Amino acid sequence: MEPDLVLPTIEAIRRWSGVECPNPAARLGLADMAGLIADVEKLRGTMVFEDEPSSFDLALRQCKEPGK
């Protein structure tokens, strides 16, 4: 049985881009998204990326010229 999000997603893609679901593999890929979304939702509140600057941002700050 397909997750509830498959048909509305197919319709949204068709309306926004005019692209029809090309094949069964594409439909299966959309069905797999339900599991991915559930896995990401489980992480909600546990990721604290904002607590520290990212490594790129930190590198930019360390290379910043004095007085700027």
PDB file of N, CA and C in Angstrom:
ATOM      1  N   MET A   1       0.842  -1.183   0.000  1.00  0.00           N
ATOM      2  CA  MET A   1       0.000   0.000   0.000  1.00  0.00           C
ATOM      3  C   MET A   1       0.886   1.246   0.000  1.00  0.00           C
ATOM      4  N   GLU A   2       0.533   2.194  -0.837  1.00  0.00           N
ATOM      5  CA  GLU A   2       1.292   3.437  -0.939  1.00  0.00           C
ATOM      6  C   GLU A   2       0.972   4.376   0.217  1.00  0.00           C
ATOM      7  N   PRO A   3       1.971   5.129   0.663  1.00  0.00           N
ATOM      8  CA  PRO A   3       1.698   6.162   1.675  1.00  0.00           C
ATOM      9  C   PRO A   3       0.759   7.229   1.115  1.00  0.00           C
ATOM     10  N   ASP A   4       0.081   7.928   1.995  1.00  0.00           N
ATOM     11  CA  ASP A   4      -0.900   8.939   1.594  1.00  0.00           C
ATOM     12  C   ASP A   4      -0.289  10.101   0.820  1.00  0.00           C
ATOM     13  N   LEU A   5       1.005  10.323   0.961  1.00  0.00           N
ATOM     14  CA  LEU A   5       1.598  11.491   0.309  1.00  0.00           C
ATOM     15  C   LEU A   5       1.885  11.291  -1.174  1.00  0.00           C
ATOM     16  N   VAL A   6       1.811  10.063  -1.693  1.00  0.00           N
ATOM     17  CA  VAL A   6       2.196   9.802  -3.080  1.00  0.00           C
ATOM     18  C   VAL A   6       1.280  10.511  -4.080  1.00  0.00           C
ATOM     19  N   LEU A   7      -0.002  10.288  -4.004  1.00  0.00           N
ATOM     20  CA  LEU A   7      -0.919  10.887  -4.986  1.00  0.00           C
ATOM     21  C   LEU A   7      -0.923  12.416  -4.945  1.00  0.00           C
ATOM     22  N   PRO A   8      -0.986  13.043  -3.745  1.00  0.00           N
ATOM     23  CA  PRO A   8      -0.926  14.508  -3.743  1.00  0.00           C
ATOM     24  C   PRO A   8       0.405  15.053  -4.275  1.00  0.00           C
ATOM     25  N   THR A   9       1.481  14.334  -4.048  1.00  0.00           N
ATOM     26  CA  THR A   9       2.781  14.781  -4.547  1.00  0.00           C
ATOM     27  C   THR A   9       2.844  14.672  -6.062  1.00  0.00           C
ATOM     28  N   ILE A  10       2.343  13.577  -6.607  1.00  0.00           N
ATOM     29  CA  ILE A  10       2.293  13.418  -8.060  1.00  0.00           C
ATOM     30  C   ILE A  10       1.473  14.548  -8.675  1.00  0.00           C
ATOM     31  N   GLU A  11       0.341  14.859  -8.060  1.00  0.00           N
ATOM     32  CA  GLU A  11      -0.517  15.929  -8.568  1.00  0.00           C
ATOM     33  C   GLU A  11       0.174  17.289  -8.449  1.00  0.00           C
ATOM     34  N   ALA A  12       0.850  17.541  -7.339  1.00  0.00           N
ATOM     35  CA  ALA A  12       1.546  18.820  -7.163  1.00  0.00           C
ATOM     36  C   ALA A  12       2.658  18.977  -8.197  1.00  0.00           C
ATOM     37  N   ILE A  13       3.399  17.926  -8.454  1.00  0.00           N
ATOM     38  CA  ILE A  13       4.469  17.980  -9.459  1.00  0.00           C
ATOM     39  C   ILE A  13       3.868  18.251 -10.837  1.00  0.00           C
ATOM     40  N   ARG A  14       2.769  17.589 -11.144  1.00  0.00           N
ATOM     41  CA  ARG A  14       2.123  17.791 -12.439  1.00  0.00           C
ATOM     42  C   ARG A  14       1.645  19.235 -12.588  1.00  0.00           C
ATOM     43  N   ARG A  15       1.052  19.775 -11.525  1.00  0.00           N
ATOM     44  CA  ARG A  15       0.531  21.151 -11.600  1.00  0.00           C
ATOM     45  C   ARG A  15       1.654  22.184 -11.687  1.00  0.00           C
ATOM     46  N   TRP A  16       2.710  21.994 -10.902  1.00  0.00           N
ATOM     47  CA  TRP A  16       3.784  22.988 -10.865  1.00  0.00           C
ATOM     48  C   TRP A  16       4.674  22.942 -12.098  1.00  0.00           C
ATOM     49  N   SER A  17       4.968  21.739 -12.564  1.00  0.00           N
ATOM     50  CA  SER A  17       5.963  21.636 -13.641  1.00  0.00           C
ATOM     51  C   SER A  17       5.424  21.026 -14.925  1.00  0.00           C
ATOM     52  N   GLY A  18       4.223  20.472 -14.882  1.00  0.00           N
ATOM     53  CA  GLY A  18       3.666  19.842 -16.068  1.00  0.00           C
ATOM     54  C   GLY A  18       4.272  18.481 -16.361  1.00  0.00           C
ATOM     55  N   VAL A  19       4.973  17.915 -15.390  1.00  0.00           N
ATOM     56  CA  VAL A  19       5.631  16.618 -15.572  1.00  0.00           C
ATOM     57  C   VAL A  19       4.749  15.528 -14.976  1.00  0.00           C
ATOM     58  N   GLU A  20       4.451  14.539 -15.792  1.00  0.00           N
ATOM     59  CA  GLU A  20       3.690  13.387 -15.314  1.00  0.00           C
ATOM     60  C   GLU A  20       4.646  12.390 -14.668  1.00  0.00           C
ATOM     61  N   CYS A  21       4.139  11.577 -13.774  1.00  0.00           N
ATOM     62  CA  CYS A  21       4.950  10.528 -13.163  1.00  0.00           C
ATOM     63  C   CYS A  21       5.418   9.592 -14.276  1.00  0.00           C
ATOM     64  N   PRO A  22       6.740   9.519 -14.520  1.00  0.00           N
ATOM     65  CA  PRO A  22       7.222   8.847 -15.725  1.00  0.00           C
ATOM     66  C   PRO A  22       7.134   7.321 -15.722  1.00  0.00           C
ATOM     67  N   ASN A  23       7.230   6.704 -14.533  1.00  0.00           N
ATOM     68  CA  ASN A  23       7.257   5.245 -14.509  1.00  0.00           C
ATOM     69  C   ASN A  23       7.038   4.740 -13.083  1.00  0.00           C
ATOM     70  N   PRO A  24       6.885   3.421 -12.930  1.00  0.00           N
ATOM     71  CA  PRO A  24       6.674   2.855 -11.589  1.00  0.00           C
ATOM     72  C   PRO A  24       7.838   3.123 -10.629  1.00  0.00           C
ATOM     73  N   ALA A  25       9.047   3.202 -11.151  1.00  0.00           N
ATOM     74  CA  ALA A  25      10.206   3.464 -10.285  1.00  0.00           C
ATOM     75  C   ALA A  25      10.114   4.856  -9.659  1.00  0.00           C
ATOM     76  N   ALA A  26       9.624   5.824 -10.418  1.00  0.00           N
ATOM     77  CA  ALA A  26       9.447   7.176  -9.884  1.00  0.00           C
ATOM     78  C   ALA A  26       8.391   7.184  -8.782  1.00  0.00           C
ATOM     79  N   ARG A  27       7.329   6.461  -9.009  1.00  0.00           N
ATOM     80  CA  ARG A  27       6.259   6.374  -8.000  1.00  0.00           C
ATOM     81  C   ARG A  27       6.769   5.696  -6.735  1.00  0.00           C
ATOM     82  N   LEU A  28       7.585   4.661  -6.899  1.00  0.00           N
ATOM     83  CA  LEU A  28       8.185   3.970  -5.750  1.00  0.00           C
ATOM     84  C   LEU A  28       9.114   4.916  -4.996  1.00  0.00           C
ATOM     85  N   GLY A  29       9.859   5.743  -5.738  1.00  0.00           N
ATOM     86  CA  GLY A  29      10.739   6.718  -5.100  1.00  0.00           C
ATOM     87  C   GLY A  29       9.960   7.700  -4.243  1.00  0.00           C
ATOM     88  N   LEU A  30       8.807   8.134  -4.731  1.00  0.00           N
ATOM     89  CA  LEU A  30       7.953   9.014  -3.927  1.00  0.00           C
ATOM     90  C   LEU A  30       7.458   8.293  -2.678  1.00  0.00           C
ATOM     91  N   ALA A  31       7.126   7.037  -2.815  1.00  0.00           N
ATOM     92  CA  ALA A  31       6.661   6.260  -1.661  1.00  0.00           C
ATOM     93  C   ALA A  31       7.757   6.139  -0.616  1.00  0.00           C
ATOM     94  N   ASP A  32       9.010   6.037  -1.054  1.00  0.00           N
ATOM     95  CA  ASP A  32      10.136   5.942  -0.119  1.00  0.00           C
ATOM     96  C   ASP A  32      10.334   7.227   0.671  1.00  0.00           C
ATOM     97  N   MET A  33       9.844   8.345   0.127  1.00  0.00           N
ATOM     98  CA  MET A  33       9.999   9.625   0.815  1.00  0.00           C
ATOM     99  C   MET A  33       9.287   9.638   2.161  1.00  0.00           C
ATOM    100  N   ALA A  34       8.224   8.889   2.296  1.00  0.00           N
ATOM    101  CA  ALA A  34       7.492   8.858   3.564  1.00  0.00           C
ATOM    102  C   ALA A  34       8.398   8.363   4.683  1.00  0.00           C
ATOM    103  N   GLY A  35       9.180   7.338   4.411  1.00  0.00           N
ATOM    104  CA  GLY A  35      10.113   6.820   5.418  1.00  0.00           C
ATOM    105  C   GLY A  35      11.209   7.819   5.737  1.00  0.00           C
ATOM    106  N   LEU A  36      11.711   8.486   4.715  1.00  0.00           N
ATOM    107  CA  LEU A  36      12.749   9.488   4.914  1.00  0.00           C
ATOM    108  C   LEU A  36      12.228  10.651   5.752  1.00  0.00           C
ATOM    109  N   ILE A  37      11.034  11.098   5.446  1.00  0.00           N
ATOM    110  CA  ILE A  37      10.427  12.188   6.212  1.00  0.00           C
ATOM    111  C   ILE A  37      10.249  11.773   7.667  1.00  0.00           C
ATOM    112  N   ALA A  38       9.797  10.560   7.905  1.00  0.00           N
ATOM    113  CA  ALA A  38       9.619  10.069   9.273  1.00  0.00           C
ATOM    114  C   ALA A  38      10.957  10.020  10.012  1.00  0.00           C
ATOM    115  N   ASP A  39      12.016   9.586   9.327  1.00  0.00           N
ATOM    116  CA  ASP A  39      13.341   9.522   9.952  1.00  0.00           C
ATOM    117  C   ASP A  39      13.848  10.908  10.321  1.00  0.00           C
ATOM    118  N   VAL A  40      13.631  11.877   9.451  1.00  0.00           N
ATOM    119  CA  VAL A  40      14.065  13.245   9.736  1.00  0.00           C
ATOM    120  C   VAL A  40      13.243  13.839  10.878  1.00  0.00           C
ATOM    121  N   GLU A  41      11.952  13.542  10.906  1.00  0.00           N
ATOM    122  CA  GLU A  41      11.108  14.047  11.992  1.00  0.00           C
ATOM    123  C   GLU A  41      11.567  13.526  13.348  1.00  0.00           C
ATOM    124  N   LYS A  42      12.090  12.306  13.389  1.00  0.00           N
ATOM    125  CA  LYS A  42      12.604  11.745  14.647  1.00  0.00           C
ATOM    126  C   LYS A  42      13.789  12.543  15.167  1.00  0.00           C
ATOM    127  N   LEU A  43      14.529  13.182  14.276  1.00  0.00           N
ATOM    128  CA  LEU A  43      15.705  13.959  14.669  1.00  0.00           C
ATOM    129  C   LEU A  43      15.358  15.367  15.136  1.00  0.00           C
ATOM    130  N   ARG A  44      14.127  15.770  14.918  1.00  0.00           N
ATOM    131  CA  ARG A  44      13.716  17.126  15.287  1.00  0.00           C
ATOM    132  C   ARG A  44      14.013  17.377  16.762  1.00  0.00           C
ATOM    133  N   GLY A  45      14.676  18.481  17.019  1.00  0.00           N
ATOM    134  CA  GLY A  45      14.998  18.847  18.390  1.00  0.00           C
ATOM    135  C   GLY A  45      16.309  18.271  18.892  1.00  0.00           C
ATOM    136  N   THR A  46      16.909  17.361  18.145  1.00  0.00           N
ATOM    137  CA  THR A  46      18.169  16.759  18.595  1.00  0.00           C
ATOM    138  C   THR A  46      19.376  17.363  17.897  1.00  0.00           C
ATOM    139  N   MET A  47      19.149  18.016  16.781  1.00  0.00           N
ATOM    140  CA  MET A  47      20.260  18.598  16.040  1.00  0.00           C
ATOM    141  C   MET A  47      20.426  20.050  16.480  1.00  0.00           C
ATOM    142  N   VAL A  48      21.628  20.408  16.881  1.00  0.00           N
ATOM    143  CA  VAL A  48      21.882  21.744  17.396  1.00  0.00           C
ATOM    144  C   VAL A  48      22.961  22.436  16.565  1.00  0.00           C
ATOM    145  N   PHE A  49      22.805  22.362  15.257  1.00  0.00           N
ATOM    146  CA  PHE A  49      23.771  22.951  14.338  1.00  0.00           C
ATOM    147  C   PHE A  49      23.943  24.446  14.607  1.00  0.00           C
ATOM    148  N   GLU A  50      22.885  25.112  15.003  1.00  0.00           N
ATOM    149  CA  GLU A  50      22.936  26.549  15.202  1.00  0.00           C
ATOM    150  C   GLU A  50      23.758  26.942  16.416  1.00  0.00           C
ATOM    151  N   ASP A  51      24.079  25.998  17.304  1.00  0.00           N
ATOM    152  CA  ASP A  51      24.841  26.327  18.504  1.00  0.00           C
ATOM    153  C   ASP A  51      26.263  26.784  18.181  1.00  0.00           C
ATOM    154  N   GLU A  52      26.829  26.310  17.101  1.00  0.00           N
ATOM    155  CA  GLU A  52      28.180  26.686  16.709  1.00  0.00           C
ATOM    156  C   GLU A  52      28.173  27.049  15.234  1.00  0.00           C
ATOM    157  N   PRO A  53      29.045  27.966  14.839  1.00  0.00           N
ATOM    158  CA  PRO A  53      29.100  28.259  13.402  1.00  0.00           C
ATOM    159  C   PRO A  53      29.612  27.046  12.630  1.00  0.00           C
ATOM    160  N   SER A  54      29.164  26.930  11.415  1.00  0.00           N
ATOM    161  CA  SER A  54      29.643  25.826  10.592  1.00  0.00           C
ATOM    162  C   SER A  54      31.133  25.985  10.359  1.00  0.00           C
ATOM    163  N   SER A  55      31.798  24.921   9.968  1.00  0.00           N
ATOM    164  CA  SER A  55      33.245  24.978   9.771  1.00  0.00           C
ATOM    165  C   SER A  55      33.616  26.001   8.703  1.00  0.00           C
ATOM    166  N   PHE A  56      32.816  26.160   7.660  1.00  0.00           N
ATOM    167  CA  PHE A  56      33.107  27.136   6.622  1.00  0.00           C
ATOM    168  C   PHE A  56      33.000  28.544   7.182  1.00  0.00           C
ATOM    169  N   ASP A  57      31.924  28.793   7.926  1.00  0.00           N
ATOM    170  CA  ASP A  57      31.735  30.101   8.529  1.00  0.00           C
ATOM    171  C   ASP A  57      32.861  30.401   9.519  1.00  0.00           C
ATOM    172  N   LEU A  58      33.241  29.429  10.297  1.00  0.00           N
ATOM    173  CA  LEU A  58      34.333  29.594  11.251  1.00  0.00           C
ATOM    174  C   LEU A  58      35.633  29.921  10.528  1.00  0.00           C
ATOM    175  N   ALA A  59      35.911  29.229   9.429  1.00  0.00           N
ATOM    176  CA  ALA A  59      37.127  29.494   8.651  1.00  0.00           C
ATOM    177  C   ALA A  59      37.114  30.918   8.111  1.00  0.00           C
ATOM    178  N   LEU A  60      35.945  31.390   7.643  1.00  0.00           N
ATOM    179  CA  LEU A  60      35.851  32.760   7.157  1.00  0.00           C
ATOM    180  C   LEU A  60      36.129  33.762   8.275  1.00  0.00           C
ATOM    181  N   ARG A  61      35.599  33.498   9.446  1.00  0.00           N
ATOM    182  CA  ARG A  61      35.825  34.397  10.584  1.00  0.00           C
ATOM    183  C   ARG A  61      37.294  34.433  10.978  1.00  0.00           C
ATOM    184  N   GLN A  62      37.957  33.277  10.942  1.00  0.00           N
ATOM    185  CA  GLN A  62      39.363  33.221  11.332  1.00  0.00           C
ATOM    186  C   GLN A  62      40.259  33.926  10.317  1.00  0.00           C
ATOM    187  N   CYS A  63      39.845  33.978   9.049  1.00  0.00           N
ATOM    188  CA  CYS A  63      40.643  34.610   7.998  1.00  0.00           C
ATOM    189  C   CYS A  63      40.316  36.089   7.840  1.00  0.00           C
ATOM    190  N   LYS A  64      39.355  36.552   8.570  1.00  0.00           N
ATOM    191  CA  LYS A  64      38.917  37.948   8.436  1.00  0.00           C
ATOM    192  C   LYS A  64      40.052  38.892   8.827  1.00  0.00           C
ATOM    193  N   GLU A  65      40.197  39.941   8.038  1.00  0.00           N
ATOM    194  CA  GLU A  65      41.238  40.919   8.325  1.00  0.00           C
ATOM    195  C   GLU A  65      40.876  41.682   9.592  1.00  0.00           C
ATOM    196  N   PRO A  66      41.872  42.006  10.399  1.00  0.00           N
ATOM    197  CA  PRO A  66      41.602  42.764  11.634  1.00  0.00           C
ATOM    198  C   PRO A  66      40.928  44.095  11.313  1.00  0.00           C
ATOM    199  N   GLY A  67      40.012  44.497  12.151  1.00  0.00           N
ATOM    200  CA  GLY A  67      39.341  45.781  12.003  1.00  0.00           C
ATOM    201  C   GLY A  67      38.211  45.802  10.992  1.00  0.00           C
ATOM    202  N   LYS A  68      37.846  44.660  10.467  1.00  0.00           N
ATOM    203  CA  LYS A  68      36.769  44.637   9.490  1.00  0.00           C
ATOM    204  C   LYS A  68      35.623  43.805   9.980  1.00  0.00           C
TER     205      LYS A  68
END
